[in-house]
Protein backbone atom coordinates (compact mmCIF):
# COMPACT_ATOMS: atom_id res chain seq x y z
CA UNK A 1 19.17 -163.61 81.95
CA UNK A 2 22.67 -164.40 80.75
CA UNK A 3 23.09 -162.95 77.25
CA UNK A 4 25.52 -163.02 74.36
CA UNK A 5 25.74 -159.99 72.08
CA UNK A 6 27.22 -160.03 68.58
CA UNK A 7 27.90 -156.53 67.22
CA UNK A 8 29.12 -155.35 63.82
CA UNK A 9 31.04 -152.05 64.21
CA UNK A 10 30.44 -149.80 61.20
CA UNK A 11 31.87 -146.44 60.15
CA UNK A 12 35.25 -145.09 61.28
CA UNK A 13 35.98 -146.04 64.89
CA UNK A 14 32.85 -148.19 65.21
CA UNK A 15 30.56 -145.22 65.78
CA UNK A 16 27.50 -147.21 64.64
CA UNK A 17 27.04 -150.79 65.90
CA UNK A 18 24.00 -152.90 65.03
CA UNK A 19 23.82 -156.10 67.10
CA UNK A 20 21.86 -159.26 67.85
CA UNK A 21 21.43 -160.74 71.30
CA UNK A 22 20.24 -164.04 72.78
CA UNK A 23 20.31 -165.62 76.19
CA UNK A 24 18.78 -167.89 78.78
CA UNK A 25 17.96 -167.59 82.45
CA UNK A 26 15.14 -167.67 84.96
CA UNK A 27 11.79 -165.94 85.43
CA UNK A 28 10.71 -165.51 89.05
CA UNK A 29 7.20 -164.81 90.27
CA UNK A 30 7.08 -163.43 93.82
CA UNK A 31 4.06 -161.63 95.24
CA UNK A 32 2.40 -160.97 98.57
CA UNK A 33 -1.38 -161.40 98.62
CA UNK A 34 -3.68 -158.61 99.71
CA UNK A 35 -5.23 -158.93 103.17
CA UNK A 36 -8.25 -161.21 103.13
CA UNK A 37 -6.91 -163.54 100.40
CA UNK A 38 -6.05 -166.21 102.94
CA UNK A 39 -2.67 -167.85 103.43
CA UNK A 40 -1.37 -167.74 99.83
CA UNK A 41 2.34 -167.16 99.17
CA UNK A 42 3.08 -166.78 95.46
CA UNK A 43 6.66 -167.77 94.69
CA UNK A 44 7.85 -169.73 91.64
CA UNK A 45 10.84 -169.79 89.29
CA UNK A 46 10.89 -171.19 85.73
CA UNK A 47 13.56 -171.28 83.02
CA UNK A 48 13.26 -169.02 80.00
CA UNK A 49 15.06 -167.42 77.09
CA UNK A 50 15.24 -164.17 75.12
CA UNK A 51 16.36 -163.02 71.68
CA UNK A 52 16.49 -159.63 70.04
CA UNK A 53 18.32 -156.98 68.10
CA UNK A 54 19.41 -153.41 68.57
CA UNK A 55 21.78 -150.62 67.69
CA UNK A 56 24.42 -148.57 69.50
CA UNK A 57 25.65 -145.19 68.27
CA UNK A 58 28.64 -143.36 69.74
CA UNK A 59 30.19 -139.89 69.63
CA UNK A 60 33.51 -140.52 71.34
CA UNK A 61 32.98 -142.53 74.52
CA UNK A 62 29.34 -141.54 75.06
CA UNK A 63 26.51 -143.08 73.08
CA UNK A 64 22.94 -144.31 72.87
CA UNK A 65 21.78 -147.93 72.84
CA UNK A 66 18.32 -149.15 71.80
CA UNK A 67 17.02 -152.70 71.48
CA UNK A 68 13.92 -154.84 71.12
CA UNK A 69 13.82 -158.30 72.73
CA UNK A 70 11.38 -161.19 72.91
CA UNK A 71 11.20 -163.05 76.25
CA UNK A 72 9.51 -166.42 76.83
CA UNK A 73 9.15 -168.96 79.62
CA UNK A 74 10.39 -172.33 78.36
CA UNK A 75 7.59 -174.75 77.56
CA UNK A 76 3.88 -174.73 78.21
CA UNK A 77 3.79 -177.83 80.32
CA UNK A 78 0.28 -177.48 81.76
CA UNK A 79 -3.16 -178.06 80.29
CA UNK A 80 -6.42 -177.08 81.95
CA UNK A 81 -8.69 -179.75 83.42
CA UNK A 82 -11.22 -177.43 85.06
CA UNK A 83 -11.18 -174.09 86.88
CA UNK A 84 -9.43 -175.38 90.00
CA UNK A 85 -7.16 -178.20 88.76
CA UNK A 86 -4.38 -178.32 86.16
CA UNK A 87 -2.74 -181.43 84.78
CA UNK A 88 0.90 -181.38 83.74
CA UNK A 89 1.48 -182.90 80.32
CA UNK A 90 3.50 -185.64 82.04
CA UNK A 91 0.47 -186.60 84.20
CA UNK A 92 1.01 -184.83 87.54
CA UNK A 93 -2.11 -183.03 88.78
CA UNK A 94 -1.72 -179.59 90.37
CA UNK A 95 -4.59 -178.83 92.73
CA UNK A 96 -2.91 -176.75 95.45
CA UNK A 97 -4.18 -173.14 95.22
CA UNK A 98 -0.71 -171.58 95.48
CA UNK A 99 0.75 -173.88 92.81
CA UNK A 100 -2.30 -173.32 90.60
CA UNK A 101 -1.85 -169.54 90.63
CA UNK A 102 1.94 -169.84 90.09
CA UNK A 103 1.42 -172.18 87.13
CA UNK A 104 -1.26 -170.03 85.51
CA UNK A 105 0.94 -166.93 85.78
CA UNK A 106 4.20 -168.40 84.40
CA UNK A 107 3.29 -171.33 82.13
CA UNK A 108 3.55 -170.17 78.52
CA UNK A 109 4.33 -166.53 79.44
CA UNK A 110 5.93 -164.46 76.65
CA UNK A 111 6.34 -160.75 75.91
CA UNK A 112 8.30 -158.12 73.93
CA UNK A 113 10.37 -155.44 75.66
CA UNK A 114 12.05 -152.37 74.20
CA UNK A 115 14.88 -150.45 75.88
CA UNK A 116 16.65 -147.17 75.22
CA UNK A 117 19.58 -145.98 77.31
CA UNK A 118 22.97 -144.33 77.56
CA UNK A 119 26.01 -146.37 76.55
CA UNK A 120 29.61 -145.80 77.61
CA UNK A 121 32.69 -147.35 76.08
CA UNK A 122 36.34 -147.22 77.01
């Protein structure tokens, strides 16, 4: 994901910095099947976006950064027809087993992620 961060330095020397973040990029699904699953190669990439907020706190050059972000795959372009076939909203039918698994895993995917880490500034 390519992100933009907007921070608001507070206190003397910007020791406390709340911020917001947003960006766009790609989600990639890549997996190897377990033996016995046949000849299935799961590999797909879809566009997506994220948005969130966080805070950085510094004592000199060393600090702590924590944030919470929401990630989502762009669009939910597939609707179910039955257990083995999906139809794209623009009419294309997906009935290949590999494509079907890829689509079911990525289409409409969204999740929250929290991070805490060490921050350095210079």
